[in-house]
Each structure stands twice: as C-alpha cells, then as structure tokens.
C-alpha cells in the first residue's frame, strides 16, 4: 500500500469510475513486467488517497491485505478483464489498446 503522493515516478494510466463502473479509479502500470520494483501482475486501486494493489489472476486478491468497500466488484472486474490486463502487463498490447478495450468493456 502506498500513499497516493508516494507514487510519483510511477508511470500509470488511469481508468476512471465512470469508464469502469467501479466504485474507485483503477490504474494500470504502463511499465508492466519491466517494473523494477515488483514483477507480480497487478492493478492499483485508489481508495481514500491510498493505493491498494490487486493481483491480476483467476482469483484476484488485495495484495495490500486491506479490505476495501466493493472489493468483490473490483475482483470480478479484474477476472473479467484478466486477458487484456495480462496482455498489457506483458507488453503484448499498448497502453492505448488496453485503455480502449478496458473502457469499452468496462461497465
């Protein structure tokens, strides 16, 4: 878990609540697998000025270990979009392709 102010230097693309239908904004790390900090596929969820990380998998979980309201909906969204999210993480598709696909399929 990181404070929102502490993610300066990370390169992210944000999917807003309106675009995803989720209760929070979600971001994808545009460095993906090239991220020097952690190579575990994940998305960030912005909750009350905190960034909570959710694994990209068949059984997503909050890596930060903190409960967030609506997490079941977030986990379901990650499962539904797992292939797109992993393709983006693994640099198979571009940021633009991922955002277009995630926002189009979002709700």
C-alpha atoms as a PDB file:
ATOM      1  CA  UNK A   1       0.000   0.000   0.000  1.00  0.00           C
ATOM      2  CA  UNK A   2       1.338   3.421  -0.930  1.00  0.00           C
ATOM      3  CA  UNK A   3       0.113   6.904  -0.183  1.00  0.00           C
ATOM      4  CA  UNK A   4      -1.142   8.471  -3.381  1.00  0.00           C
ATOM      5  CA  UNK A   5       1.540  11.164  -3.071  1.00  0.00           C
ATOM      6  CA  UNK A   6       4.195   8.443  -2.933  1.00  0.00           C
ATOM      7  CA  UNK A   7       3.531   7.051  -6.407  1.00  0.00           C
ATOM      8  CA  UNK A   8       5.304   9.951  -8.093  1.00  0.00           C
ATOM      9  CA  UNK A   9       7.722   8.434 -10.561  1.00  0.00           C
ATOM     10  CA  UNK A  10       5.433   5.542 -11.408  1.00  0.00           C
ATOM     11  CA  UNK A  11       4.069   5.615 -14.901  1.00  0.00           C
ATOM     12  CA  UNK A  12       0.366   4.876 -14.831  1.00  0.00           C
ATOM     13  CA  UNK A  13      -2.722   5.040 -16.987  1.00  0.00           C
ATOM     14  CA  UNK A  14      -5.953   5.650 -15.095  1.00  0.00           C
ATOM     15  CA  UNK A  15      -9.363   4.134 -15.740  1.00  0.00           C
ATOM     16  CA  UNK A  16     -11.925   6.340 -14.028  1.00  0.00           C
ATOM     17  CA  UNK A  17     -15.004   5.199 -12.128  1.00  0.00           C
ATOM     18  CA  UNK A  18     -17.182   6.419 -14.992  1.00  0.00           C
ATOM     19  CA  UNK A  19     -15.195   4.381 -17.508  1.00  0.00           C
ATOM     20  CA  UNK A  20     -15.118   1.161 -15.464  1.00  0.00           C
ATOM     21  CA  UNK A  21     -18.349   1.275 -13.465  1.00  0.00           C
ATOM     22  CA  UNK A  22     -16.317   0.537 -10.313  1.00  0.00           C
ATOM     23  CA  UNK A  23     -16.532   2.432  -7.012  1.00  0.00           C
ATOM     24  CA  UNK A  24     -12.897   3.601  -7.377  1.00  0.00           C
ATOM     25  CA  UNK A  25     -10.461   4.713 -10.049  1.00  0.00           C
ATOM     26  CA  UNK A  26      -8.131   1.940 -11.208  1.00  0.00           C
ATOM     27  CA  UNK A  27      -4.711   2.342 -12.733  1.00  0.00           C
ATOM     28  CA  UNK A  28      -2.547   0.106 -14.835  1.00  0.00           C
ATOM     29  CA  UNK A  29       1.227   0.356 -14.605  1.00  0.00           C
ATOM     30  CA  UNK A  30       2.497   1.185 -18.075  1.00  0.00           C
ATOM     31  CA  UNK A  31       5.879  -0.366 -17.222  1.00  0.00           C
ATOM     32  CA  UNK A  32       4.171  -3.700 -16.583  1.00  0.00           C
ATOM     33  CA  UNK A  33       6.641  -6.566 -16.451  1.00  0.00           C
ATOM     34  CA  UNK A  34       9.518  -4.098 -16.853  1.00  0.00           C
ATOM     35  CA  UNK A  35       8.731  -2.548 -13.458  1.00  0.00           C
ATOM     36  CA  UNK A  36      11.927  -2.744 -11.415  1.00  0.00           C
ATOM     37  CA  UNK A  37      10.085  -2.809  -8.100  1.00  0.00           C
ATOM     38  CA  UNK A  38       7.806  -5.832  -8.424  1.00  0.00           C
ATOM     39  CA  UNK A  39       7.127  -8.173 -11.319  1.00  0.00           C
ATOM     40  CA  UNK A  40       3.841  -9.570  -9.989  1.00  0.00           C
ATOM     41  CA  UNK A  41       0.965  -8.607 -12.328  1.00  0.00           C
ATOM     42  CA  UNK A  42      -1.345  -6.173 -10.574  1.00  0.00           C
ATOM     43  CA  UNK A  43      -3.553  -3.119 -10.898  1.00  0.00           C
ATOM     44  CA  UNK A  44      -3.744  -0.242  -8.462  1.00  0.00           C
ATOM     45  CA  UNK A  45      -6.985   0.892  -6.879  1.00  0.00           C
ATOM     46  CA  UNK A  46      -7.154   4.416  -5.464  1.00  0.00           C
ATOM     47  CA  UNK A  47      -9.058   4.368  -2.159  1.00  0.00           C
ATOM     48  CA  UNK A  48      -9.160   7.417   0.141  1.00  0.00           C
ATOM     49  CA  UNK A  49      -5.785   8.759  -1.073  1.00  0.00           C
ATOM     50  CA  UNK A  50      -4.230   5.303  -0.695  1.00  0.00           C
ATOM     51  CA  UNK A  51      -3.160   2.944  -3.447  1.00  0.00           C
ATOM     52  CA  UNK A  52      -4.157  -0.667  -2.861  1.00  0.00           C
ATOM     53  CA  UNK A  53      -2.840  -3.301  -5.233  1.00  0.00           C
ATOM     54  CA  UNK A  54      -4.966  -6.127  -6.609  1.00  0.00           C
ATOM     55  CA  UNK A  55      -3.393  -9.155  -8.261  1.00  0.00           C
ATOM     56  CA  UNK A  56      -4.266  -9.960 -11.869  1.00  0.00           C
ATOM     57  CA  UNK A  57      -5.251 -13.619 -11.750  1.00  0.00           C
ATOM     58  CA  UNK A  58      -8.147 -16.064 -11.849  1.00  0.00           C
ATOM     59  CA  UNK A  59      -8.588 -15.394  -8.133  1.00  0.00           C
ATOM     60  CA  UNK A  60      -7.681 -11.721  -7.620  1.00  0.00           C
ATOM     61  CA  UNK A  61      -6.914 -10.537  -4.119  1.00  0.00           C
ATOM     62  CA  UNK A  62      -5.884  -7.329  -2.463  1.00  0.00           C
ATOM     63  CA  UNK A  63      -2.119  -7.704  -2.200  1.00  0.00           C
ATOM     64  CA  UNK A  64      -2.087  -4.879   0.332  1.00  0.00           C
ATOM     65  CA  UNK A  65      -4.153  -7.044   2.688  1.00  0.00           C
ATOM     66  CA  UNK A  66      -6.648  -4.290   3.462  1.00  0.00           C
ATOM     67  CA  UNK A  67     -10.388  -4.666   2.937  1.00  0.00           C
ATOM     68  CA  UNK A  68     -11.945  -2.097   0.629  1.00  0.00           C
ATOM     69  CA  UNK A  69     -15.639  -1.478   0.199  1.00  0.00           C
ATOM     70  CA  UNK A  70     -16.783  -3.038  -3.085  1.00  0.00           C
ATOM     71  CA  UNK A  71     -13.743  -5.262  -3.442  1.00  0.00           C
ATOM     72  CA  UNK A  72     -15.856  -8.141  -4.779  1.00  0.00           C
ATOM     73  CA  UNK A  73     -16.875  -5.939  -7.715  1.00  0.00           C
ATOM     74  CA  UNK A  74     -13.239  -4.988  -8.304  1.00  0.00           C
ATOM     75  CA  UNK A  75     -12.136  -8.642  -8.167  1.00  0.00           C
ATOM     76  CA  UNK A  76     -14.869  -9.575 -10.655  1.00  0.00           C
ATOM     77  CA  UNK A  77     -13.775  -6.734 -12.972  1.00  0.00           C
ATOM     78  CA  UNK A  78     -10.169  -7.955 -12.836  1.00  0.00           C
ATOM     79  CA  UNK A  79     -11.265 -11.549 -13.589  1.00  0.00           C
ATOM     80  CA  UNK A  80     -13.438 -10.364 -16.484  1.00  0.00           C
ATOM     81  CA  UNK A  81     -10.585  -8.303 -17.959  1.00  0.00           C
ATOM     82  CA  UNK A  82      -7.727 -10.619 -16.959  1.00  0.00           C
ATOM     83  CA  UNK A  83      -6.600 -11.397 -20.513  1.00  0.00           C
ATOM     84  CA  UNK A  84      -6.441  -7.730 -21.511  1.00  0.00           C
ATOM     85  CA  UNK A  85      -4.716  -6.768 -18.255  1.00  0.00           C
ATOM     86  CA  UNK A  86      -2.117  -9.544 -18.609  1.00  0.00           C
ATOM     87  CA  UNK A  87      -1.517  -8.743 -22.291  1.00  0.00           C
ATOM     88  CA  UNK A  88      -0.861  -5.154 -21.251  1.00  0.00           C
ATOM     89  CA  UNK A  89       1.349  -6.210 -18.311  1.00  0.00           C
ATOM     90  CA  UNK A  90       3.380  -8.469 -20.636  1.00  0.00           C
ATOM     91  CA  UNK A  91       3.692  -5.768 -23.338  1.00  0.00           C
ATOM     92  CA  UNK A  92       1.631  -7.689 -25.909  1.00  0.00           C
ATOM     93  CA  UNK A  93      -0.701  -4.692 -26.347  1.00  0.00           C
ATOM     94  CA  UNK A  94      -0.063  -0.972 -25.968  1.00  0.00           C
ATOM     95  CA  UNK A  95      -1.377   1.356 -23.281  1.00  0.00           C
ATOM     96  CA  UNK A  96      -3.843   2.832 -25.777  1.00  0.00           C
ATOM     97  CA  UNK A  97      -5.122  -0.603 -26.849  1.00  0.00           C
ATOM     98  CA  UNK A  98      -5.564  -1.642 -23.217  1.00  0.00           C
ATOM     99  CA  UNK A  99      -7.368   1.551 -22.238  1.00  0.00           C
ATOM    100  CA  UNK A 100      -9.639   1.388 -25.272  1.00  0.00           C
ATOM    101  CA  UNK A 101     -10.552  -2.235 -24.534  1.00  0.00           C
ATOM    102  CA  UNK A 102     -10.995  -1.748 -20.779  1.00  0.00           C
ATOM    103  CA  UNK A 103     -13.076   1.389 -21.069  1.00  0.00           C
ATOM    104  CA  UNK A 104     -15.214  -0.053 -23.842  1.00  0.00           C
ATOM    105  CA  UNK A 105     -15.905  -3.253 -21.899  1.00  0.00           C
ATOM    106  CA  UNK A 106     -15.895  -1.517 -18.523  1.00  0.00           C
ATOM    107  CA  UNK A 107     -19.458  -1.490 -17.293  1.00  0.00           C
END
